[in-house]
N, C-alpha and C. Protein backbone atom coordinates (compact mmCIF):
# COMPACT_ATOMS: atom_id res chain seq x y z
N UNK A 1 80.81 -94.32 -28.86
CA UNK A 1 79.40 -94.23 -29.31
C UNK A 1 78.47 -93.85 -28.17
N UNK A 2 78.72 -94.43 -27.01
CA UNK A 2 77.87 -94.10 -25.86
C UNK A 2 78.11 -92.64 -25.48
N UNK A 3 79.35 -92.14 -25.46
CA UNK A 3 79.61 -90.87 -25.22
C UNK A 3 78.79 -89.79 -26.19
N UNK A 4 78.67 -90.13 -27.43
CA UNK A 4 77.97 -89.31 -28.32
C UNK A 4 76.52 -89.29 -28.06
N UNK A 5 75.94 -90.42 -27.68
CA UNK A 5 74.50 -90.50 -27.41
C UNK A 5 74.25 -89.75 -26.13
N UNK A 6 75.14 -89.92 -25.10
CA UNK A 6 74.96 -89.23 -23.82
C UNK A 6 75.09 -87.71 -24.01
N UNK A 7 76.03 -87.28 -24.88
CA UNK A 7 76.15 -85.85 -25.23
C UNK A 7 74.93 -85.24 -25.94
N UNK A 8 74.31 -86.07 -26.78
CA UNK A 8 73.06 -85.60 -27.40
C UNK A 8 71.92 -85.51 -26.37
N UNK A 9 71.76 -86.44 -25.44
CA UNK A 9 70.72 -86.47 -24.49
C UNK A 9 70.88 -85.28 -23.56
N UNK A 10 72.14 -85.13 -23.04
CA UNK A 10 72.41 -84.08 -22.00
C UNK A 10 72.27 -82.75 -22.77
N UNK A 11 72.78 -82.56 -24.03
CA UNK A 11 72.77 -81.27 -24.74
C UNK A 11 71.21 -80.90 -24.97
N UNK A 12 70.42 -81.86 -25.29
CA UNK A 12 69.04 -81.60 -25.46
C UNK A 12 68.36 -81.14 -24.21
N UNK A 13 68.70 -81.78 -23.06
CA UNK A 13 68.13 -81.29 -21.77
C UNK A 13 68.61 -79.95 -21.45
N UNK A 14 69.93 -79.72 -21.62
CA UNK A 14 70.32 -78.36 -21.29
C UNK A 14 69.79 -77.24 -22.13
N UNK A 15 69.64 -77.58 -23.41
CA UNK A 15 69.02 -76.74 -24.38
C UNK A 15 67.65 -76.35 -24.04
N UNK A 16 66.82 -77.31 -23.64
CA UNK A 16 65.42 -77.04 -23.27
C UNK A 16 65.40 -76.26 -21.93
N UNK A 17 66.29 -76.59 -21.01
CA UNK A 17 66.30 -75.82 -19.73
C UNK A 17 66.63 -74.37 -19.94
N UNK A 18 67.64 -74.13 -20.79
CA UNK A 18 68.04 -72.66 -20.97
C UNK A 18 67.06 -72.00 -21.74
N UNK A 19 66.38 -72.70 -22.80
CA UNK A 19 65.30 -72.08 -23.59
C UNK A 19 64.14 -71.61 -22.76
N UNK A 20 63.74 -72.33 -21.72
CA UNK A 20 62.68 -71.93 -20.90
C UNK A 20 62.84 -70.66 -20.07
N UNK A 21 64.07 -70.31 -19.78
CA UNK A 21 64.38 -69.11 -18.96
C UNK A 21 64.73 -67.89 -19.75
N UNK A 22 64.90 -68.06 -21.12
CA UNK A 22 65.23 -66.91 -21.94
C UNK A 22 64.03 -66.20 -22.28
N UNK A 23 64.11 -64.77 -22.48
CA UNK A 23 63.00 -64.03 -22.99
C UNK A 23 62.71 -64.35 -24.44
N UNK A 24 61.52 -63.99 -24.82
CA UNK A 24 61.10 -64.30 -26.25
C UNK A 24 62.06 -63.53 -27.19
N UNK A 25 62.44 -64.27 -28.27
CA UNK A 25 63.33 -63.72 -29.26
C UNK A 25 64.00 -64.81 -30.12
N UNK A 26 65.00 -64.36 -30.82
CA UNK A 26 65.74 -65.31 -31.67
C UNK A 26 66.57 -66.35 -30.95
N UNK A 27 67.15 -66.00 -29.84
CA UNK A 27 67.91 -66.84 -29.16
C UNK A 27 67.09 -67.89 -28.47
N UNK A 28 65.98 -67.59 -27.96
CA UNK A 28 65.09 -68.53 -27.30
C UNK A 28 64.57 -69.56 -28.44
N UNK A 29 64.25 -69.08 -29.63
CA UNK A 29 63.85 -69.83 -30.74
C UNK A 29 64.99 -70.83 -31.16
N UNK A 30 66.25 -70.34 -31.14
CA UNK A 30 67.41 -71.24 -31.44
C UNK A 30 67.56 -72.30 -30.41
N UNK A 31 67.40 -72.05 -29.15
CA UNK A 31 67.59 -73.04 -28.11
C UNK A 31 66.40 -74.00 -28.02
N UNK A 32 65.12 -73.63 -28.27
CA UNK A 32 64.01 -74.37 -28.18
C UNK A 32 63.54 -75.19 -29.40
N UNK A 33 64.04 -74.80 -30.52
CA UNK A 33 63.62 -75.50 -31.81
C UNK A 33 64.46 -76.80 -31.87
N UNK A 34 63.64 -77.89 -32.15
CA UNK A 34 64.30 -79.18 -32.35
C UNK A 34 63.78 -79.85 -33.60
N UNK A 35 64.55 -80.79 -34.03
CA UNK A 35 64.15 -81.50 -35.27
C UNK A 35 63.98 -82.97 -34.89
N UNK A 36 62.82 -83.55 -35.34
CA UNK A 36 62.55 -84.95 -34.96
C UNK A 36 62.92 -85.75 -36.22
N UNK A 37 63.67 -86.69 -35.90
CA UNK A 37 64.23 -87.71 -37.00
C UNK A 37 63.91 -89.20 -36.53
N UNK A 38 63.33 -89.81 -37.35
CA UNK A 38 63.10 -91.25 -37.02
C UNK A 38 61.78 -91.79 -37.63
N UNK A 39 61.23 -92.82 -37.01
CA UNK A 39 59.97 -93.40 -37.44
C UNK A 39 59.19 -93.87 -36.35
N UNK A 40 57.92 -93.92 -36.51
CA UNK A 40 56.90 -94.27 -35.43
C UNK A 40 56.95 -95.73 -35.30
N UNK A 41 56.05 -96.28 -34.39
CA UNK A 41 55.93 -97.63 -34.10
C UNK A 41 55.58 -98.52 -35.34
N UNK A 42 56.40 -99.57 -35.45
CA UNK A 42 56.18 -100.49 -36.59
C UNK A 42 55.97 -101.89 -35.92
N UNK A 43 54.89 -102.46 -36.16
CA UNK A 43 54.55 -103.71 -35.37
C UNK A 43 54.67 -104.87 -36.52
N UNK A 44 55.37 -105.90 -36.02
CA UNK A 44 55.51 -107.17 -36.82
C UNK A 44 54.77 -108.19 -35.99
N UNK A 45 53.70 -108.70 -36.48
CA UNK A 45 52.90 -109.67 -35.69
C UNK A 45 52.96 -111.05 -36.38
N UNK A 46 53.47 -111.96 -35.56
CA UNK A 46 53.55 -113.33 -35.94
C UNK A 46 52.40 -114.08 -35.16
N UNK A 47 52.27 -115.39 -35.28
CA UNK A 47 51.18 -116.05 -34.62
C UNK A 47 51.19 -115.98 -33.14
N UNK A 48 52.33 -116.15 -32.50
CA UNK A 48 52.37 -116.18 -31.08
C UNK A 48 53.27 -115.03 -30.58
N UNK A 49 54.14 -114.34 -31.36
CA UNK A 49 54.99 -113.26 -30.97
C UNK A 49 54.69 -112.01 -31.73
N UNK A 50 54.79 -110.97 -31.09
CA UNK A 50 54.67 -109.65 -31.70
C UNK A 50 55.80 -108.70 -31.29
N UNK A 51 56.39 -108.04 -32.28
CA UNK A 51 57.49 -107.16 -32.03
C UNK A 51 57.00 -105.71 -32.50
N UNK A 52 57.43 -104.73 -31.65
CA UNK A 52 57.06 -103.30 -32.03
C UNK A 52 58.37 -102.62 -31.99
N UNK A 53 58.75 -101.93 -33.11
CA UNK A 53 59.98 -101.15 -33.13
C UNK A 53 59.61 -99.72 -33.41
N UNK A 54 60.47 -98.75 -32.84
CA UNK A 54 60.15 -97.34 -33.10
C UNK A 54 61.44 -96.59 -32.59
N UNK A 55 61.64 -95.44 -33.23
CA UNK A 55 62.81 -94.65 -32.86
C UNK A 55 62.53 -93.21 -33.20
N UNK A 56 62.63 -92.30 -32.21
CA UNK A 56 62.56 -90.90 -32.52
C UNK A 56 63.68 -90.21 -31.91
N UNK A 57 64.41 -89.36 -32.56
CA UNK A 57 65.45 -88.55 -32.04
C UNK A 57 65.05 -87.11 -32.26
N UNK A 58 65.17 -86.39 -31.13
CA UNK A 58 64.94 -84.99 -31.16
C UNK A 58 66.22 -84.22 -30.93
N UNK A 59 66.65 -83.56 -31.91
CA UNK A 59 68.04 -82.89 -31.90
C UNK A 59 67.80 -81.38 -31.98
N UNK A 60 68.49 -80.69 -30.97
CA UNK A 60 68.34 -79.27 -31.02
C UNK A 60 69.89 -78.77 -31.16
N UNK A 61 69.88 -77.42 -31.11
CA UNK A 61 71.19 -76.75 -31.26
C UNK A 61 72.26 -77.16 -30.22
N UNK A 62 71.83 -77.14 -28.98
CA UNK A 62 72.86 -77.50 -27.93
C UNK A 62 73.29 -79.03 -28.01
N UNK A 63 72.35 -79.86 -28.47
CA UNK A 63 72.78 -81.28 -28.56
C UNK A 63 73.81 -81.46 -29.68
N UNK A 64 73.59 -80.72 -30.80
CA UNK A 64 74.59 -80.80 -31.94
C UNK A 64 75.88 -80.20 -31.40
N UNK A 65 75.82 -79.07 -30.64
CA UNK A 65 77.08 -78.48 -30.09
C UNK A 65 77.83 -79.40 -29.15
N UNK A 66 77.07 -80.12 -28.28
CA UNK A 66 77.69 -81.06 -27.40
C UNK A 66 78.31 -82.20 -28.13
N UNK A 67 77.72 -82.74 -29.15
CA UNK A 67 78.24 -83.82 -30.00
C UNK A 67 79.55 -83.41 -30.65
N UNK A 68 79.61 -82.19 -31.17
CA UNK A 68 80.74 -81.62 -31.80
C UNK A 68 81.87 -81.49 -30.75
N UNK A 69 81.60 -81.03 -29.57
CA UNK A 69 82.62 -80.92 -28.51
C UNK A 69 83.08 -82.28 -28.01
N UNK A 70 82.29 -83.33 -28.00
CA UNK A 70 82.74 -84.60 -27.63
C UNK A 70 83.62 -85.20 -28.69
N UNK A 71 83.28 -84.98 -30.02
CA UNK A 71 84.17 -85.48 -31.02
C UNK A 71 85.49 -84.76 -31.00
N UNK A 72 85.52 -83.42 -30.73
CA UNK A 72 86.75 -82.64 -30.64
C UNK A 72 87.56 -83.19 -29.52
N UNK A 73 86.97 -83.43 -28.37
CA UNK A 73 87.69 -83.93 -27.20
C UNK A 73 88.35 -85.28 -27.36
N UNK A 74 87.53 -86.20 -27.89
CA UNK A 74 88.19 -87.54 -28.14
C UNK A 74 89.19 -87.50 -29.29
N UNK A 75 89.02 -86.70 -30.23
CA UNK A 75 90.16 -86.62 -31.26
C UNK A 75 91.41 -86.08 -30.61
N UNK A 76 91.22 -85.03 -29.78
CA UNK A 76 92.40 -84.48 -29.09
C UNK A 76 92.99 -85.48 -28.06
N UNK A 77 92.19 -86.19 -27.33
CA UNK A 77 92.66 -87.09 -26.26
C UNK A 77 93.34 -88.36 -26.87
N UNK A 78 92.84 -88.91 -28.01
CA UNK A 78 93.36 -90.17 -28.42
C UNK A 78 94.34 -89.99 -29.64
N UNK A 79 94.75 -88.86 -30.02
CA UNK A 79 95.74 -88.63 -30.99
C UNK A 79 97.12 -88.24 -30.39
């Protein structure tokens, strides 16, 4: 599970870095476009304790590609 999360983070970073150096066009759009999934801050306030929860995931093409490669690697390695 940690490997999948790490692959998504590193893939997103690589995708944004590659997208910055590409010329304008369809490939740059593919690398820079991301989808936000999640929910904003939700605060639960009790009398003396307050909790704030929130989670946003930004997934792009390279992060999905890295997740697929990690899944293939671990399926090959552990079978």
